[in-house]
Amino acid sequence: MEIRGRGFDRGLILTEDKFIGGNLKLFLQDSTLITPSIPLQKYRPHKNVLVVWQTVNPVGFLDEMNLEPASEVVTKKLPFRHSKKFFYDVSFQLYKAHDF
């Protein structure tokens, strides 16, 4: 998984929606997952934060955390699991939290 190769193996994962988050949770089980699409979630700040989205970067959801980008934005074209014709674009960026 390219995300691990860039230095993220556990921490806080912020995704744009539940679809992306649920799939990532299968591979990063030791991480805490949050999404703006589920209001009033409790979470514990982490030093390592992974933000993943398809259309809108949700990093503003974590305004209370002092986040600094730790990587550039990476965009990948991924196939749907059961289709060789359909793809979707997913972007991700790693952040480091200074005050947590």
N, C-alpha and C. Protein backbone atom coordinates (compact mmCIF):
# COMPACT_ATOMS: atom_id res chain seq x y z
N MET A 1 0.85 -1.18 0.00
CA MET A 1 0.00 0.00 0.00
C MET A 1 0.89 1.24 0.00
N GLU A 2 0.69 2.10 -0.95
CA GLU A 2 1.54 3.29 -1.11
C GLU A 2 1.49 4.23 0.09
N ILE A 3 0.38 4.26 0.79
CA ILE A 3 0.25 5.13 1.96
C ILE A 3 1.27 4.73 3.02
N ARG A 4 1.42 3.44 3.26
CA ARG A 4 2.43 2.96 4.23
C ARG A 4 3.83 3.30 3.75
N GLY A 5 4.08 3.19 2.47
CA GLY A 5 5.38 3.51 1.91
C GLY A 5 5.77 4.97 2.09
N ARG A 6 4.78 5.82 2.29
CA ARG A 6 5.04 7.25 2.51
C ARG A 6 5.13 7.60 4.00
N GLY A 7 5.05 6.57 4.86
CA GLY A 7 5.29 6.80 6.28
C GLY A 7 4.08 6.76 7.19
N PHE A 8 2.92 6.43 6.69
CA PHE A 8 1.73 6.35 7.55
C PHE A 8 1.36 4.90 7.76
N ASP A 9 1.45 4.44 9.01
CA ASP A 9 1.01 3.07 9.30
C ASP A 9 -0.09 3.05 10.35
N ARG A 10 -0.23 4.14 11.10
CA ARG A 10 -1.32 4.29 12.07
C ARG A 10 -1.43 5.75 12.47
N GLY A 11 -2.61 6.10 12.94
CA GLY A 11 -2.86 7.48 13.36
C GLY A 11 -4.32 7.82 13.15
N LEU A 12 -4.58 9.06 12.83
CA LEU A 12 -5.93 9.55 12.58
C LEU A 12 -6.15 9.63 11.07
N ILE A 13 -7.23 9.03 10.59
CA ILE A 13 -7.58 9.09 9.18
C ILE A 13 -8.84 9.94 9.04
N LEU A 14 -8.76 10.99 8.25
CA LEU A 14 -9.91 11.83 7.95
C LEU A 14 -10.26 11.61 6.49
N THR A 15 -11.47 11.15 6.22
CA THR A 15 -11.89 10.92 4.85
C THR A 15 -13.11 11.77 4.53
N GLU A 16 -13.28 12.00 3.26
CA GLU A 16 -14.42 12.80 2.79
C GLU A 16 -15.75 12.09 3.05
N ASP A 17 -15.75 10.77 2.98
CA ASP A 17 -16.99 10.03 3.16
C ASP A 17 -16.74 8.64 3.73
N LYS A 18 -17.82 7.94 4.07
CA LYS A 18 -17.75 6.62 4.68
C LYS A 18 -17.23 5.56 3.71
N PHE A 19 -17.49 5.70 2.43
CA PHE A 19 -17.03 4.73 1.44
C PHE A 19 -15.51 4.61 1.46
N ILE A 20 -14.83 5.74 1.37
CA ILE A 20 -13.36 5.74 1.39
C ILE A 20 -12.86 5.24 2.75
N GLY A 21 -13.45 5.76 3.81
CA GLY A 21 -13.00 5.41 5.16
C GLY A 21 -13.14 3.94 5.47
N GLY A 22 -14.25 3.35 5.10
CA GLY A 22 -14.46 1.93 5.35
C GLY A 22 -13.44 1.06 4.65
N ASN A 23 -13.11 1.42 3.43
CA ASN A 23 -12.10 0.65 2.68
C ASN A 23 -10.72 0.81 3.29
N LEU A 24 -10.36 2.01 3.71
CA LEU A 24 -9.04 2.21 4.34
C LEU A 24 -8.93 1.49 5.67
N LYS A 25 -10.02 1.45 6.42
CA LYS A 25 -10.00 0.80 7.73
C LYS A 25 -9.66 -0.68 7.62
N LEU A 26 -9.97 -1.30 6.49
CA LEU A 26 -9.61 -2.70 6.29
C LEU A 26 -8.10 -2.91 6.28
N PHE A 27 -7.35 -1.91 5.83
CA PHE A 27 -5.90 -2.03 5.70
C PHE A 27 -5.14 -1.34 6.83
N LEU A 28 -5.76 -0.38 7.50
CA LEU A 28 -5.10 0.39 8.56
C LEU A 28 -5.92 0.26 9.84
N GLN A 29 -6.06 -0.95 10.33
CA GLN A 29 -6.95 -1.27 11.44
C GLN A 29 -6.59 -0.60 12.75
N ASP A 30 -5.33 -0.25 12.96
CA ASP A 30 -4.91 0.39 14.20
C ASP A 30 -5.14 1.90 14.20
N SER A 31 -5.78 2.41 13.17
CA SER A 31 -6.01 3.84 13.05
C SER A 31 -7.42 4.21 13.48
N THR A 32 -7.60 5.47 13.84
CA THR A 32 -8.91 6.03 14.16
C THR A 32 -9.43 6.71 12.91
N LEU A 33 -10.65 6.40 12.54
CA LEU A 33 -11.25 6.94 11.32
C LEU A 33 -12.34 7.93 11.68
N ILE A 34 -12.32 9.11 11.04
CA ILE A 34 -13.40 10.08 11.19
C ILE A 34 -13.76 10.63 9.82
N THR A 35 -14.99 11.13 9.71
CA THR A 35 -15.46 11.73 8.47
C THR A 35 -16.49 12.80 8.79
N PRO A 36 -16.49 13.91 8.07
CA PRO A 36 -17.50 14.95 8.29
C PRO A 36 -18.92 14.46 8.00
N SER A 37 -19.07 13.37 7.26
CA SER A 37 -20.40 12.87 6.93
C SER A 37 -21.09 12.20 8.13
N ILE A 38 -20.36 11.98 9.23
CA ILE A 38 -20.95 11.45 10.46
C ILE A 38 -20.68 12.48 11.55
N PRO A 39 -21.66 13.32 11.87
CA PRO A 39 -21.44 14.40 12.85
C PRO A 39 -21.25 13.86 14.27
N LEU A 40 -20.62 14.68 15.09
CA LEU A 40 -20.46 14.43 16.53
C LEU A 40 -19.65 13.19 16.85
N GLN A 41 -18.66 12.89 16.04
CA GLN A 41 -17.79 11.76 16.33
C GLN A 41 -16.77 12.16 17.39
N LYS A 42 -16.48 11.26 18.27
CA LYS A 42 -15.41 11.50 19.24
C LYS A 42 -14.13 10.92 18.67
N TYR A 43 -13.05 11.67 18.80
CA TYR A 43 -11.77 11.16 18.35
C TYR A 43 -10.68 11.76 19.21
N ARG A 44 -9.59 11.06 19.23
CA ARG A 44 -8.42 11.50 19.97
C ARG A 44 -7.41 12.01 18.95
N PRO A 45 -6.90 13.23 19.14
CA PRO A 45 -5.89 13.72 18.19
C PRO A 45 -4.67 12.81 18.16
N HIS A 46 -4.08 12.70 17.01
CA HIS A 46 -2.87 11.90 16.79
C HIS A 46 -1.82 12.78 16.15
N LYS A 47 -0.58 12.39 16.29
CA LYS A 47 0.50 13.12 15.64
C LYS A 47 0.45 12.93 14.12
N ASN A 48 0.14 11.73 13.67
CA ASN A 48 0.08 11.42 12.24
C ASN A 48 -1.37 11.46 11.76
N VAL A 49 -1.61 12.25 10.73
CA VAL A 49 -2.95 12.39 10.18
C VAL A 49 -2.90 12.13 8.68
N LEU A 50 -3.77 11.26 8.21
CA LEU A 50 -3.92 10.96 6.79
C LEU A 50 -5.27 11.51 6.35
N VAL A 51 -5.26 12.36 5.31
CA VAL A 51 -6.50 12.94 4.78
C VAL A 51 -6.69 12.38 3.37
N VAL A 52 -7.87 11.80 3.12
CA VAL A 52 -8.16 11.14 1.84
C VAL A 52 -9.50 11.64 1.32
N TRP A 53 -9.55 11.92 0.00
CA TRP A 53 -10.78 12.45 -0.58
C TRP A 53 -10.86 12.12 -2.06
N GLN A 54 -12.09 12.28 -2.59
CA GLN A 54 -12.33 12.15 -4.03
C GLN A 54 -12.57 13.51 -4.66
N THR A 55 -13.41 14.34 -4.06
CA THR A 55 -13.74 15.63 -4.68
C THR A 55 -13.32 16.83 -3.85
N VAL A 56 -13.49 16.79 -2.53
CA VAL A 56 -13.19 17.94 -1.68
C VAL A 56 -12.30 17.51 -0.52
N ASN A 57 -11.15 18.17 -0.38
CA ASN A 57 -10.25 17.88 0.73
C ASN A 57 -10.92 18.33 2.03
N PRO A 58 -11.19 17.41 2.98
CA PRO A 58 -11.91 17.75 4.21
C PRO A 58 -11.01 18.23 5.36
N VAL A 59 -9.76 18.62 5.09
CA VAL A 59 -8.83 18.94 6.17
C VAL A 59 -9.35 20.07 7.06
N GLY A 60 -10.20 20.94 6.56
CA GLY A 60 -10.77 22.02 7.38
C GLY A 60 -11.61 21.51 8.53
N PHE A 61 -12.05 20.26 8.47
CA PHE A 61 -12.81 19.65 9.56
C PHE A 61 -11.97 19.57 10.84
N LEU A 62 -10.65 19.58 10.69
CA LEU A 62 -9.74 19.48 11.83
C LEU A 62 -9.07 20.81 12.14
N ASP A 63 -9.79 21.91 11.96
CA ASP A 63 -9.20 23.24 12.19
C ASP A 63 -8.62 23.41 13.58
N GLU A 64 -9.18 22.72 14.58
CA GLU A 64 -8.69 22.89 15.95
C GLU A 64 -7.31 22.25 16.16
N MET A 65 -6.90 21.38 15.26
CA MET A 65 -5.57 20.77 15.35
C MET A 65 -4.58 21.62 14.57
N ASN A 66 -3.39 21.76 15.08
CA ASN A 66 -2.35 22.52 14.40
C ASN A 66 -1.64 21.58 13.42
N LEU A 67 -2.19 21.46 12.20
CA LEU A 67 -1.67 20.52 11.21
C LEU A 67 -0.73 21.19 10.23
N GLU A 68 0.31 20.46 9.90
CA GLU A 68 1.27 20.92 8.89
C GLU A 68 1.43 19.81 7.86
N PRO A 69 1.33 20.15 6.56
CA PRO A 69 1.51 19.10 5.54
C PRO A 69 2.87 18.41 5.69
N ALA A 70 2.85 17.07 5.61
CA ALA A 70 4.07 16.29 5.70
C ALA A 70 4.40 15.60 4.38
N SER A 71 3.54 15.83 3.37
CA SER A 71 3.78 15.27 2.04
C SER A 71 3.03 16.13 1.04
N GLU A 72 3.31 15.88 -0.22
CA GLU A 72 2.54 16.54 -1.27
C GLU A 72 1.24 15.77 -1.45
N VAL A 73 0.30 16.36 -2.19
CA VAL A 73 -0.94 15.66 -2.52
C VAL A 73 -0.63 14.61 -3.58
N VAL A 74 -1.10 13.40 -3.35
CA VAL A 74 -0.93 12.29 -4.29
C VAL A 74 -2.31 11.91 -4.81
N THR A 75 -2.47 11.80 -6.12
CA THR A 75 -3.73 11.39 -6.72
C THR A 75 -3.51 10.10 -7.49
N LYS A 76 -4.38 9.15 -7.25
CA LYS A 76 -4.29 7.84 -7.89
C LYS A 76 -5.60 7.50 -8.59
N LYS A 77 -5.53 6.85 -9.70
CA LYS A 77 -6.69 6.32 -10.40
C LYS A 77 -6.80 4.85 -10.01
N LEU A 78 -7.88 4.50 -9.33
CA LEU A 78 -8.05 3.14 -8.81
C LEU A 78 -9.21 2.44 -9.50
N PRO A 79 -9.07 1.16 -9.77
CA PRO A 79 -10.18 0.41 -10.37
C PRO A 79 -11.18 0.01 -9.30
N PHE A 80 -12.43 -0.07 -9.68
CA PHE A 80 -13.41 -0.67 -8.79
C PHE A 80 -13.08 -2.15 -8.69
N ARG A 81 -13.31 -2.73 -7.55
CA ARG A 81 -12.87 -4.09 -7.29
C ARG A 81 -13.39 -5.11 -8.30
N HIS A 82 -14.63 -4.98 -8.70
CA HIS A 82 -15.23 -5.99 -9.59
C HIS A 82 -15.47 -5.46 -11.00
N SER A 83 -14.64 -4.52 -11.43
CA SER A 83 -14.81 -3.99 -12.78
C SER A 83 -13.47 -3.61 -13.36
N LYS A 84 -13.26 -3.94 -14.61
CA LYS A 84 -12.03 -3.53 -15.29
C LYS A 84 -12.28 -2.30 -16.15
N LYS A 85 -13.54 -1.84 -16.21
CA LYS A 85 -13.89 -0.69 -17.03
C LYS A 85 -14.01 0.61 -16.25
N PHE A 86 -14.31 0.53 -14.96
CA PHE A 86 -14.61 1.73 -14.19
C PHE A 86 -13.50 2.03 -13.19
N PHE A 87 -13.12 3.28 -13.15
CA PHE A 87 -12.07 3.75 -12.24
C PHE A 87 -12.57 4.97 -11.48
N TYR A 88 -11.92 5.29 -10.39
CA TYR A 88 -12.21 6.53 -9.67
C TYR A 88 -10.89 7.12 -9.19
N ASP A 89 -10.86 8.44 -9.05
CA ASP A 89 -9.67 9.13 -8.57
C ASP A 89 -9.77 9.36 -7.08
N VAL A 90 -8.70 9.08 -6.37
CA VAL A 90 -8.60 9.32 -4.93
C VAL A 90 -7.32 10.09 -4.68
N SER A 91 -7.42 11.13 -3.85
CA SER A 91 -6.24 11.90 -3.47
C SER A 91 -5.99 11.73 -1.98
N PHE A 92 -4.72 11.82 -1.60
CA PHE A 92 -4.40 11.78 -0.18
C PHE A 92 -3.20 12.66 0.12
N GLN A 93 -3.12 13.09 1.37
CA GLN A 93 -2.00 13.90 1.84
C GLN A 93 -1.76 13.56 3.30
N LEU A 94 -0.50 13.48 3.68
CA LEU A 94 -0.13 13.23 5.07
C LEU A 94 0.11 14.56 5.77
N TYR A 95 -0.27 14.61 7.04
CA TYR A 95 -0.07 15.80 7.87
C TYR A 95 0.56 15.37 9.19
N LYS A 96 1.22 16.29 9.84
CA LYS A 96 1.73 16.11 11.19
C LYS A 96 1.05 17.14 12.09
N ALA A 97 0.61 16.70 13.26
CA ALA A 97 0.00 17.58 14.24
C ALA A 97 1.07 17.99 15.25
N HIS A 98 1.14 19.27 15.54
CA HIS A 98 2.15 19.77 16.48
C HIS A 98 1.61 19.87 17.91
N ASP A 99 0.36 20.22 18.04
CA ASP A 99 -0.24 20.38 19.37
C ASP A 99 -1.34 19.35 19.54
N PHE A 100 -1.02 18.28 20.22
CA PHE A 100 -2.07 17.28 20.48
C PHE A 100 -1.94 16.69 21.84
